[in-house]
């Protein structure tokens, strides 16, 4: 286990987390060991406005998710970021993240088609308001809407959006965020978040991705 992976594991243990949801041990996994369509969950050392109102697998602070995509030209993270739905070289993706946790669907039959479906949205703008439409996307929305089983059924069903903390109150950050746009917080509207995706029973957690 690398120093980075020991740090991740010990951080989780410090939080009192029982990592029973994970299908394999927490040893590191190299990028070369990942497969097309694996999901890359970004874990923060410290919380932020997203992790304050959502929960990741094992209680980890997960604020972003991307899709691993391989081409003849290299390996990329297919992701919805502020500049829009983009292909980011994997080295650049890894460099700007604290820690990255990799996961794979237990049923991989429909994964290739799911990635193709997501690629069709390249260039679409980022959804800064986190609303359910196909005109713009936020990170987990891209995954939630594109990942389907061979039958066509969604792997990740929409869930009520969460903008509240553990007391049940909508945080001031999100009140101000939507208030500046003259909007109400879409609490409870159908949507997704990366933390919830990471906790899905449809996934097998592979481990933390080595940065080397």
Protein backbone atom coordinates (compact mmCIF):
# COMPACT_ATOMS: atom_id res chain seq x y z
CA UNK A 1 0.00 0.00 0.00
CA UNK A 2 1.42 3.39 -0.98
CA UNK A 3 1.78 6.33 1.42
CA UNK A 4 -1.16 8.05 -0.28
CA UNK A 5 -3.39 5.02 0.10
CA UNK A 6 -2.40 4.53 3.75
CA UNK A 7 -3.31 8.17 4.32
CA UNK A 8 -6.72 7.63 2.71
CA UNK A 9 -7.40 4.47 4.67
CA UNK A 10 -6.34 5.95 7.99
CA UNK A 11 -8.42 9.07 7.32
CA UNK A 12 -11.48 6.89 6.84
CA UNK A 13 -10.73 4.93 9.99
CA UNK A 14 -10.24 8.16 11.93
CA UNK A 15 -13.77 9.11 10.93
CA UNK A 16 -14.99 5.91 12.55
CA UNK A 17 -15.96 4.51 9.17
CA UNK A 18 -16.61 0.82 8.68
CA UNK A 19 -15.75 0.29 5.04
CA UNK A 20 -17.93 -2.78 4.77
CA UNK A 21 -19.57 -1.51 1.58
CA UNK A 22 -16.32 -1.91 -0.30
CA UNK A 23 -15.86 -5.03 -2.36
CA UNK A 24 -12.08 -5.19 -2.26
CA UNK A 25 -9.36 -4.08 0.14
CA UNK A 26 -8.15 -0.52 0.11
CA UNK A 27 -4.81 -1.14 -1.56
CA UNK A 28 -3.96 1.17 -4.42
CA UNK A 29 -5.02 0.61 -8.01
CA UNK A 30 -3.04 1.94 -10.94
CA UNK A 31 -4.65 3.75 -13.86
CA UNK A 32 -3.51 0.88 -16.08
CA UNK A 33 -5.66 -1.46 -14.00
CA UNK A 34 -8.83 0.53 -14.62
CA UNK A 35 -11.36 -0.32 -17.32
CA UNK A 36 -13.43 1.70 -19.75
CA UNK A 37 -16.38 3.19 -17.92
CA UNK A 38 -15.03 2.84 -14.40
CA UNK A 39 -16.16 5.71 -12.20
CA UNK A 40 -13.69 8.07 -10.54
CA UNK A 41 -14.92 9.62 -7.29
CA UNK A 42 -13.01 12.62 -5.96
CA UNK A 43 -12.48 12.61 -2.20
CA UNK A 44 -11.67 15.82 -0.34
CA UNK A 45 -9.40 16.14 2.67
CA UNK A 46 -11.70 18.87 3.96
CA UNK A 47 -15.42 19.39 3.47
CA UNK A 48 -17.03 21.98 1.19
CA UNK A 49 -20.51 23.18 0.29
CA UNK A 50 -21.23 19.92 -1.56
CA UNK A 51 -19.93 17.47 1.02
CA UNK A 52 -21.65 19.43 3.79
CA UNK A 53 -25.04 18.39 2.40
CA UNK A 54 -24.28 14.96 0.88
CA UNK A 55 -22.68 11.73 2.06
CA UNK A 56 -20.16 9.54 0.27
CA UNK A 57 -19.41 5.85 0.69
CA UNK A 58 -17.93 5.10 4.10
CA UNK A 59 -18.67 8.69 5.16
CA UNK A 60 -16.01 10.06 2.83
CA UNK A 61 -16.22 13.62 1.52
CA UNK A 62 -16.94 13.07 -2.18
CA UNK A 63 -17.68 16.14 -4.28
CA UNK A 64 -17.12 15.05 -7.90
CA UNK A 65 -17.39 12.05 -10.20
CA UNK A 66 -15.97 11.36 -13.65
CA UNK A 67 -15.97 8.51 -16.16
CA UNK A 68 -12.77 6.78 -17.25
CA UNK A 69 -12.49 6.73 -21.06
CA UNK A 70 -9.69 5.25 -23.15
CA UNK A 71 -8.87 6.21 -26.73
CA UNK A 72 -5.96 5.46 -29.03
CA UNK A 73 -4.56 8.81 -27.96
CA UNK A 74 -4.59 8.11 -24.22
CA UNK A 75 -6.70 7.83 -21.11
CA UNK A 76 -9.15 10.54 -20.09
CA UNK A 77 -11.64 11.54 -17.44
CA UNK A 78 -14.96 12.28 -19.12
CA UNK A 79 -16.50 14.82 -16.79
CA UNK A 80 -18.90 17.71 -16.42
CA UNK A 81 -16.88 20.61 -15.05
CA UNK A 82 -17.35 24.38 -15.07
CA UNK A 83 -16.19 24.72 -18.66
CA UNK A 84 -18.70 22.07 -19.73
CA UNK A 85 -18.68 18.36 -20.51
CA UNK A 86 -15.05 17.65 -21.33
CA UNK A 87 -12.36 15.04 -21.81
CA UNK A 88 -9.54 15.74 -19.35
CA UNK A 89 -6.22 13.88 -19.69
CA UNK A 90 -6.04 11.50 -16.75
CA UNK A 91 -2.74 12.94 -15.46
CA UNK A 92 -4.26 16.42 -15.31
CA UNK A 93 -7.38 15.06 -13.66
CA UNK A 94 -5.39 13.25 -10.98
CA UNK A 95 -3.08 16.21 -10.34
CA UNK A 96 -5.90 18.55 -9.34
CA UNK A 97 -7.62 16.14 -6.96
CA UNK A 98 -6.82 15.33 -3.32
CA UNK A 99 -7.70 11.64 -3.65
CA UNK A 100 -9.54 9.57 -6.25
CA UNK A 101 -11.56 6.47 -5.45
CA UNK A 102 -12.27 4.08 -8.34
CA UNK A 103 -15.44 2.01 -8.67
CA UNK A 104 -16.78 -0.45 -11.25
CA UNK A 105 -20.29 -1.59 -12.01
CA UNK A 106 -20.93 -5.14 -10.87
CA UNK A 107 -22.90 -5.68 -14.08
CA UNK A 108 -20.62 -4.36 -16.82
CA UNK A 109 -22.63 -5.49 -19.85
CA UNK A 110 -24.08 -2.06 -20.59
CA UNK A 111 -21.06 0.03 -19.61
CA UNK A 112 -19.56 0.52 -23.09
CA UNK A 113 -22.86 1.84 -24.43
CA UNK A 114 -23.22 4.05 -21.38
CA UNK A 115 -19.87 5.70 -22.10
CA UNK A 116 -20.84 6.23 -25.75
CA UNK A 117 -24.06 7.82 -24.53
CA UNK A 118 -22.10 10.19 -22.27
CA UNK A 119 -19.67 11.11 -25.06
CA UNK A 120 -22.58 12.46 -27.08
CA UNK A 121 -22.86 15.30 -24.58
CA UNK A 122 -19.29 16.55 -25.04
CA UNK A 123 -19.34 20.33 -25.28
CA UNK A 124 -22.62 20.74 -23.42
CA UNK A 125 -22.41 23.52 -20.80
CA UNK A 126 -22.15 22.96 -17.08
CA UNK A 127 -25.42 23.06 -15.16
CA UNK A 128 -24.70 25.63 -12.46
CA UNK A 129 -28.28 25.42 -11.19
CA UNK A 130 -28.36 21.59 -10.94
CA UNK A 131 -31.69 21.32 -12.73
CA UNK A 132 -33.01 18.16 -14.46
CA UNK A 133 -32.65 18.85 -18.18
CA UNK A 134 -30.42 17.73 -21.05
CA UNK A 135 -29.38 21.25 -22.04
CA UNK A 136 -26.61 21.37 -19.40
CA UNK A 137 -25.03 18.87 -17.02
CA UNK A 138 -23.41 18.69 -13.62
CA UNK A 139 -20.99 15.87 -12.80
CA UNK A 140 -23.23 13.22 -11.26
CA UNK A 141 -26.09 14.07 -13.63
CA UNK A 142 -23.95 13.01 -16.59
CA UNK A 143 -23.38 9.61 -14.97
CA UNK A 144 -26.90 9.21 -13.61
CA UNK A 145 -28.57 9.86 -16.95
CA UNK A 146 -26.16 7.92 -19.15
CA UNK A 147 -25.47 4.72 -17.22
CA UNK A 148 -28.00 2.07 -18.13
CA UNK A 149 -28.16 -1.70 -17.97
CA UNK A 150 -28.41 -3.71 -21.19
CA UNK A 151 -32.19 -3.66 -20.68
CA UNK A 152 -32.17 0.14 -20.84
CA UNK A 153 -33.04 0.56 -17.18
CA UNK A 154 -31.18 3.31 -15.34
CA UNK A 155 -28.40 2.03 -13.09
CA UNK A 156 -28.73 5.05 -10.81
CA UNK A 157 -32.28 6.20 -10.15
CA UNK A 158 -32.90 9.92 -9.52
CA UNK A 159 -33.06 10.87 -5.84
CA UNK A 160 -34.41 13.96 -4.05
CA UNK A 161 -31.79 16.71 -4.20
CA UNK A 162 -30.20 17.55 -0.86
CA UNK A 163 -29.12 21.03 0.12
CA UNK A 164 -29.59 20.55 3.86
CA UNK A 165 -27.09 19.72 6.59
CA UNK A 166 -27.42 16.98 9.22
CA UNK A 167 -29.88 19.12 11.16
CA UNK A 168 -32.28 19.13 8.22
CA UNK A 169 -31.80 22.83 7.51
CA UNK A 170 -30.86 24.17 4.08
CA UNK A 171 -27.41 25.70 4.47
CA UNK A 172 -26.87 29.43 4.14
CA UNK A 173 -24.47 28.89 1.25
CA UNK A 174 -27.18 27.38 -0.93
CA UNK A 175 -29.79 29.91 0.13
CA UNK A 176 -27.43 32.69 -0.97
CA UNK A 177 -26.34 30.81 -4.11
CA UNK A 178 -29.86 30.50 -5.48
CA UNK A 179 -31.03 33.78 -3.98
CA UNK A 180 -28.52 35.72 -6.10
CA UNK A 181 -30.28 34.32 -9.16
CA UNK A 182 -33.76 35.01 -7.86
CA UNK A 183 -34.41 31.28 -7.47
CA UNK A 184 -35.53 29.08 -4.60
CA UNK A 185 -33.36 26.19 -3.51
CA UNK A 186 -34.54 23.06 -5.41
CA UNK A 187 -34.55 20.97 -2.26
CA UNK A 188 -36.22 17.62 -2.90
CA UNK A 189 -36.33 18.00 -6.70
CA UNK A 190 -35.23 14.87 -8.62
CA UNK A 191 -31.50 14.73 -9.24
CA UNK A 192 -28.29 13.13 -8.04
CA UNK A 193 -25.03 13.79 -6.25
CA UNK A 194 -21.62 12.09 -6.45
CA UNK A 195 -21.68 10.94 -2.83
CA UNK A 196 -24.94 9.09 -3.30
CA UNK A 197 -23.67 7.43 -6.49
CA UNK A 198 -20.61 6.18 -4.61
CA UNK A 199 -22.87 4.40 -2.11
CA UNK A 200 -24.84 2.53 -4.77
CA UNK A 201 -25.18 -1.23 -4.36
CA UNK A 202 -24.61 -1.46 -8.13
CA UNK A 203 -20.93 -0.58 -7.64
CA UNK A 204 -17.86 -2.44 -6.50
CA UNK A 205 -15.25 -0.12 -4.95
CA UNK A 206 -11.81 -0.95 -6.35
CA UNK A 207 -9.63 1.28 -4.17
CA UNK A 208 -7.80 4.59 -4.28
CA UNK A 209 -6.07 5.40 -7.55
CA UNK A 210 -2.31 5.81 -7.33
CA UNK A 211 -1.08 9.20 -8.50
CA UNK A 212 2.30 7.83 -9.59
